[in-house]
Amino acid sequence: MPFFVKTEIIKKEYLINHDFKKKIIKEHIDWIKKLKKEGIKIKSGFLVDQLKRPGDGGLLILEINNYKNALEIIKNDPMIKNNLVEWKLNEWVDSNR
C-alpha cells in the first residue's frame, strides 16, 4: 500500500501566538489518536534542529490506497482546517521497488 507524506510549516504569525498554536496542536494530536483507533495507519511528528529545538514544522505519514483518500483524510487535520500551517501532500515512492 502506498505511503503519503504531508509536510508542513507553521505560519510565522502563529509562531508568536502560543496559546492558539498549543490549542490547535492538541486538537491535531487528538485527531491522530482517533484515526489510529479507527485503524488508519498514520504517524505525525514535529521537526527539530541540531539542538533539538522545535519550530520548523512537521511531517505526517499515512499509509492508504491512493492520493484522493489521503487528501480526504488530511484536509480534516485541525492544523489545516484552522489555517495554522503551509502544507503539501506527496506520495512517497520507494526507490527499491
N, C-alpha and C. Protein backbone atom coordinates (compact mmCIF):
# COMPACT_ATOMS: atom_id res chain seq x y z
N MET A 1 0.85 -1.18 0.00
CA MET A 1 0.00 0.00 0.00
C MET A 1 0.90 1.25 0.00
N PRO A 2 0.52 2.26 -0.76
CA PRO A 2 1.36 3.47 -0.84
C PRO A 2 1.42 4.26 0.48
N PHE A 3 2.49 5.02 0.60
CA PHE A 3 2.66 5.95 1.72
C PHE A 3 2.52 7.37 1.18
N PHE A 4 1.91 8.24 1.98
CA PHE A 4 1.77 9.65 1.64
C PHE A 4 2.36 10.47 2.77
N VAL A 5 3.03 11.55 2.41
CA VAL A 5 3.71 12.39 3.40
C VAL A 5 3.17 13.81 3.28
N LYS A 6 2.67 14.32 4.40
CA LYS A 6 2.28 15.73 4.45
C LYS A 6 3.41 16.48 5.14
N THR A 7 3.99 17.44 4.44
CA THR A 7 4.99 18.31 5.05
C THR A 7 4.28 19.61 5.42
N GLU A 8 4.70 20.19 6.52
CA GLU A 8 4.03 21.42 6.97
C GLU A 8 5.01 22.33 7.67
N ILE A 9 4.73 23.61 7.54
CA ILE A 9 5.48 24.64 8.26
C ILE A 9 4.46 25.56 8.91
N ILE A 10 4.64 25.80 10.19
CA ILE A 10 3.74 26.71 10.91
C ILE A 10 3.93 28.11 10.36
N LYS A 11 2.81 28.76 10.08
CA LYS A 11 2.86 30.12 9.54
C LYS A 11 3.48 31.06 10.58
N LYS A 12 4.28 32.00 10.12
CA LYS A 12 5.04 32.89 11.00
C LYS A 12 4.16 33.61 12.02
N GLU A 13 2.98 34.03 11.60
CA GLU A 13 2.11 34.77 12.53
C GLU A 13 1.67 33.93 13.72
N TYR A 14 1.76 32.60 13.60
CA TYR A 14 1.35 31.74 14.71
C TYR A 14 2.52 31.30 15.58
N LEU A 15 3.74 31.62 15.15
CA LEU A 15 4.90 31.27 15.98
C LEU A 15 4.90 32.08 17.27
N ILE A 16 4.30 33.27 17.25
CA ILE A 16 4.25 34.08 18.46
C ILE A 16 2.91 33.93 19.21
N ASN A 17 1.90 33.43 18.55
CA ASN A 17 0.59 33.21 19.19
C ASN A 17 0.57 31.81 19.79
N HIS A 18 1.27 31.64 20.91
CA HIS A 18 1.47 30.32 21.50
C HIS A 18 0.18 29.67 21.98
N ASP A 19 -0.76 30.45 22.53
CA ASP A 19 -2.00 29.86 23.04
C ASP A 19 -2.81 29.22 21.92
N PHE A 20 -2.97 29.93 20.82
CA PHE A 20 -3.72 29.38 19.68
C PHE A 20 -3.00 28.16 19.12
N LYS A 21 -1.68 28.28 18.95
CA LYS A 21 -0.89 27.17 18.40
C LYS A 21 -1.02 25.93 19.28
N LYS A 22 -0.89 26.09 20.59
CA LYS A 22 -1.00 24.95 21.52
C LYS A 22 -2.37 24.30 21.44
N LYS A 23 -3.41 25.11 21.35
CA LYS A 23 -4.79 24.60 21.27
C LYS A 23 -4.96 23.74 20.01
N ILE A 24 -4.50 24.24 18.89
CA ILE A 24 -4.67 23.53 17.63
C ILE A 24 -3.79 22.27 17.59
N ILE A 25 -2.60 22.35 18.14
CA ILE A 25 -1.73 21.17 18.17
C ILE A 25 -2.35 20.08 19.03
N LYS A 26 -2.98 20.45 20.15
CA LYS A 26 -3.68 19.45 20.97
C LYS A 26 -4.81 18.81 20.18
N GLU A 27 -5.57 19.61 19.45
CA GLU A 27 -6.65 19.08 18.61
C GLU A 27 -6.07 18.13 17.55
N HIS A 28 -4.93 18.49 16.99
CA HIS A 28 -4.26 17.66 15.99
C HIS A 28 -3.87 16.30 16.59
N ILE A 29 -3.28 16.31 17.77
CA ILE A 29 -2.88 15.07 18.44
C ILE A 29 -4.10 14.20 18.73
N ASP A 30 -5.19 14.80 19.20
CA ASP A 30 -6.42 14.04 19.45
C ASP A 30 -6.98 13.46 18.15
N TRP A 31 -6.89 14.21 17.07
CA TRP A 31 -7.36 13.75 15.76
C TRP A 31 -6.54 12.54 15.31
N ILE A 32 -5.22 12.59 15.48
CA ILE A 32 -4.35 11.47 15.12
C ILE A 32 -4.73 10.23 15.94
N LYS A 33 -4.93 10.39 17.23
CA LYS A 33 -5.31 9.25 18.10
C LYS A 33 -6.62 8.63 17.64
N LYS A 34 -7.57 9.46 17.26
CA LYS A 34 -8.87 8.98 16.78
C LYS A 34 -8.70 8.17 15.50
N LEU A 35 -7.90 8.67 14.57
CA LEU A 35 -7.66 7.95 13.32
C LEU A 35 -7.00 6.60 13.58
N LYS A 36 -6.04 6.57 14.48
CA LYS A 36 -5.38 5.31 14.82
C LYS A 36 -6.37 4.30 15.38
N LYS A 37 -7.27 4.77 16.24
CA LYS A 37 -8.30 3.89 16.81
C LYS A 37 -9.21 3.34 15.73
N GLU A 38 -9.40 4.11 14.66
CA GLU A 38 -10.23 3.67 13.53
C GLU A 38 -9.47 2.72 12.61
N GLY A 39 -8.21 2.46 12.91
CA GLY A 39 -7.42 1.51 12.13
C GLY A 39 -6.62 2.13 11.00
N ILE A 40 -6.58 3.44 10.94
CA ILE A 40 -5.80 4.11 9.90
C ILE A 40 -4.34 4.14 10.32
N LYS A 41 -3.46 3.76 9.40
CA LYS A 41 -2.03 3.74 9.68
C LYS A 41 -1.46 5.13 9.43
N ILE A 42 -1.18 5.83 10.53
CA ILE A 42 -0.76 7.23 10.45
C ILE A 42 0.24 7.53 11.55
N LYS A 43 1.21 8.37 11.24
CA LYS A 43 2.19 8.86 12.21
C LYS A 43 2.34 10.35 11.99
N SER A 44 2.59 11.06 13.07
CA SER A 44 2.75 12.50 12.98
C SER A 44 3.80 12.94 13.98
N GLY A 45 4.61 13.92 13.59
CA GLY A 45 5.62 14.43 14.49
C GLY A 45 6.15 15.77 14.01
N PHE A 46 6.96 16.39 14.85
CA PHE A 46 7.48 17.71 14.51
C PHE A 46 8.98 17.63 14.27
N LEU A 47 9.47 18.61 13.55
CA LEU A 47 10.89 18.67 13.22
C LEU A 47 11.64 19.52 14.23
N VAL A 48 12.87 19.12 14.52
CA VAL A 48 13.72 19.88 15.44
C VAL A 48 15.06 20.14 14.74
N ASP A 49 15.75 21.16 15.22
CA ASP A 49 17.06 21.46 14.64
C ASP A 49 18.14 20.64 15.35
N GLN A 50 19.41 20.92 15.04
CA GLN A 50 20.51 20.14 15.61
C GLN A 50 20.59 20.22 17.13
N LEU A 51 19.99 21.26 17.71
CA LEU A 51 19.97 21.40 19.17
C LEU A 51 18.66 20.91 19.78
N LYS A 52 17.86 20.22 18.97
CA LYS A 52 16.58 19.62 19.38
C LYS A 52 15.51 20.68 19.67
N ARG A 53 15.65 21.86 19.05
CA ARG A 53 14.66 22.92 19.21
C ARG A 53 13.58 22.77 18.14
N PRO A 54 12.30 22.71 18.55
CA PRO A 54 11.22 22.61 17.56
C PRO A 54 10.95 23.97 16.93
N GLY A 55 10.08 23.97 15.92
CA GLY A 55 9.64 25.22 15.35
C GLY A 55 9.67 25.29 13.84
N ASP A 56 10.25 24.28 13.20
CA ASP A 56 10.36 24.33 11.75
C ASP A 56 9.27 23.56 11.03
N GLY A 57 8.30 23.04 11.75
CA GLY A 57 7.20 22.34 11.09
C GLY A 57 7.17 20.88 11.46
N GLY A 58 6.53 20.09 10.60
CA GLY A 58 6.38 18.68 10.92
C GLY A 58 6.09 17.83 9.70
N LEU A 59 5.97 16.54 9.98
CA LEU A 59 5.65 15.55 8.97
C LEU A 59 4.51 14.69 9.46
N LEU A 60 3.68 14.28 8.53
CA LEU A 60 2.64 13.31 8.81
C LEU A 60 2.77 12.24 7.73
N ILE A 61 2.81 10.99 8.16
CA ILE A 61 2.96 9.88 7.23
C ILE A 61 1.73 9.00 7.32
N LEU A 62 1.16 8.71 6.18
CA LEU A 62 -0.11 8.00 6.10
C LEU A 62 0.01 6.86 5.10
N GLU A 63 -0.39 5.67 5.51
CA GLU A 63 -0.40 4.53 4.59
C GLU A 63 -1.85 4.28 4.19
N ILE A 64 -2.14 4.50 2.91
CA ILE A 64 -3.52 4.37 2.42
C ILE A 64 -3.48 4.10 0.92
N ASN A 65 -4.58 3.65 0.37
CA ASN A 65 -4.59 3.12 -1.00
C ASN A 65 -4.36 4.12 -2.13
N ASN A 66 -4.71 5.40 -1.96
CA ASN A 66 -4.49 6.34 -3.07
C ASN A 66 -4.46 7.79 -2.58
N TYR A 67 -4.01 8.67 -3.48
CA TYR A 67 -3.85 10.09 -3.16
C TYR A 67 -5.19 10.73 -2.76
N LYS A 68 -6.23 10.41 -3.49
CA LYS A 68 -7.55 11.00 -3.21
C LYS A 68 -7.98 10.72 -1.77
N ASN A 69 -7.83 9.49 -1.32
CA ASN A 69 -8.22 9.14 0.05
C ASN A 69 -7.29 9.77 1.08
N ALA A 70 -6.02 9.86 0.74
CA ALA A 70 -5.07 10.52 1.65
C ALA A 70 -5.45 11.98 1.81
N LEU A 71 -5.74 12.64 0.71
CA LEU A 71 -6.11 14.06 0.75
C LEU A 71 -7.41 14.28 1.53
N GLU A 72 -8.36 13.38 1.36
CA GLU A 72 -9.63 13.47 2.09
C GLU A 72 -9.41 13.44 3.60
N ILE A 73 -8.50 12.57 4.04
CA ILE A 73 -8.18 12.49 5.47
C ILE A 73 -7.43 13.73 5.92
N ILE A 74 -6.39 14.09 5.18
CA ILE A 74 -5.51 15.20 5.55
C ILE A 74 -6.28 16.52 5.67
N LYS A 75 -7.24 16.74 4.82
CA LYS A 75 -7.99 18.00 4.85
C LYS A 75 -8.78 18.18 6.15
N ASN A 76 -8.92 17.10 6.92
CA ASN A 76 -9.61 17.19 8.22
C ASN A 76 -8.66 17.46 9.38
N ASP A 77 -7.39 17.58 9.08
CA ASP A 77 -6.40 17.88 10.12
C ASP A 77 -6.71 19.27 10.70
N PRO A 78 -6.87 19.37 12.02
CA PRO A 78 -7.15 20.68 12.63
C PRO A 78 -6.11 21.75 12.29
N MET A 79 -4.88 21.35 12.02
CA MET A 79 -3.85 22.33 11.67
C MET A 79 -4.13 22.94 10.30
N ILE A 80 -4.72 22.17 9.41
CA ILE A 80 -5.11 22.67 8.10
C ILE A 80 -6.43 23.42 8.18
N LYS A 81 -7.40 22.83 8.86
CA LYS A 81 -8.72 23.46 8.96
C LYS A 81 -8.66 24.83 9.62
N ASN A 82 -7.69 25.02 10.53
CA ASN A 82 -7.54 26.30 11.22
C ASN A 82 -6.47 27.18 10.60
N ASN A 83 -5.97 26.77 9.43
CA ASN A 83 -5.03 27.58 8.66
C ASN A 83 -3.74 27.91 9.42
N LEU A 84 -3.31 26.97 10.27
CA LEU A 84 -2.12 27.17 11.09
C LEU A 84 -0.83 26.94 10.30
N VAL A 85 -0.91 26.11 9.25
CA VAL A 85 0.29 25.70 8.54
C VAL A 85 0.19 25.89 7.03
N GLU A 86 1.36 26.05 6.42
CA GLU A 86 1.51 25.89 4.97
C GLU A 86 1.81 24.41 4.80
N TRP A 87 1.17 23.74 3.87
CA TRP A 87 1.34 22.29 3.78
C TRP A 87 1.34 21.80 2.34
N LYS A 88 1.82 20.58 2.20
CA LYS A 88 1.87 19.93 0.90
C LYS A 88 1.77 18.43 1.13
N LEU A 89 1.06 17.76 0.26
CA LEU A 89 0.90 16.31 0.35
C LEU A 89 1.54 15.66 -0.87
N ASN A 90 2.38 14.66 -0.62
CA ASN A 90 3.03 13.92 -1.70
C ASN A 90 2.99 12.43 -1.40
N GLU A 91 2.97 11.65 -2.47
CA GLU A 91 3.15 10.21 -2.31
C GLU A 91 4.65 9.95 -2.22
N TRP A 92 5.04 9.04 -1.33
CA TRP A 92 6.43 8.63 -1.22
C TRP A 92 6.59 7.35 -2.03
N VAL A 93 7.57 7.33 -2.91
CA VAL A 93 7.82 6.16 -3.75
C VAL A 93 9.14 5.54 -3.33
N ASP A 94 9.10 4.27 -2.97
CA ASP A 94 10.29 3.53 -2.57
C ASP A 94 11.17 3.29 -3.79
N SER A 95 12.38 3.77 -3.74
CA SER A 95 13.28 3.63 -4.90
C SER A 95 13.76 2.19 -5.10
N ASN A 96 13.51 1.33 -4.13
CA ASN A 96 13.95 -0.07 -4.22
C ASN A 96 12.88 -1.02 -4.72
N ARG A 97 11.78 -0.48 -5.20
CA ARG A 97 10.75 -1.44 -5.64
C ARG A 97 10.89 -1.85 -7.06
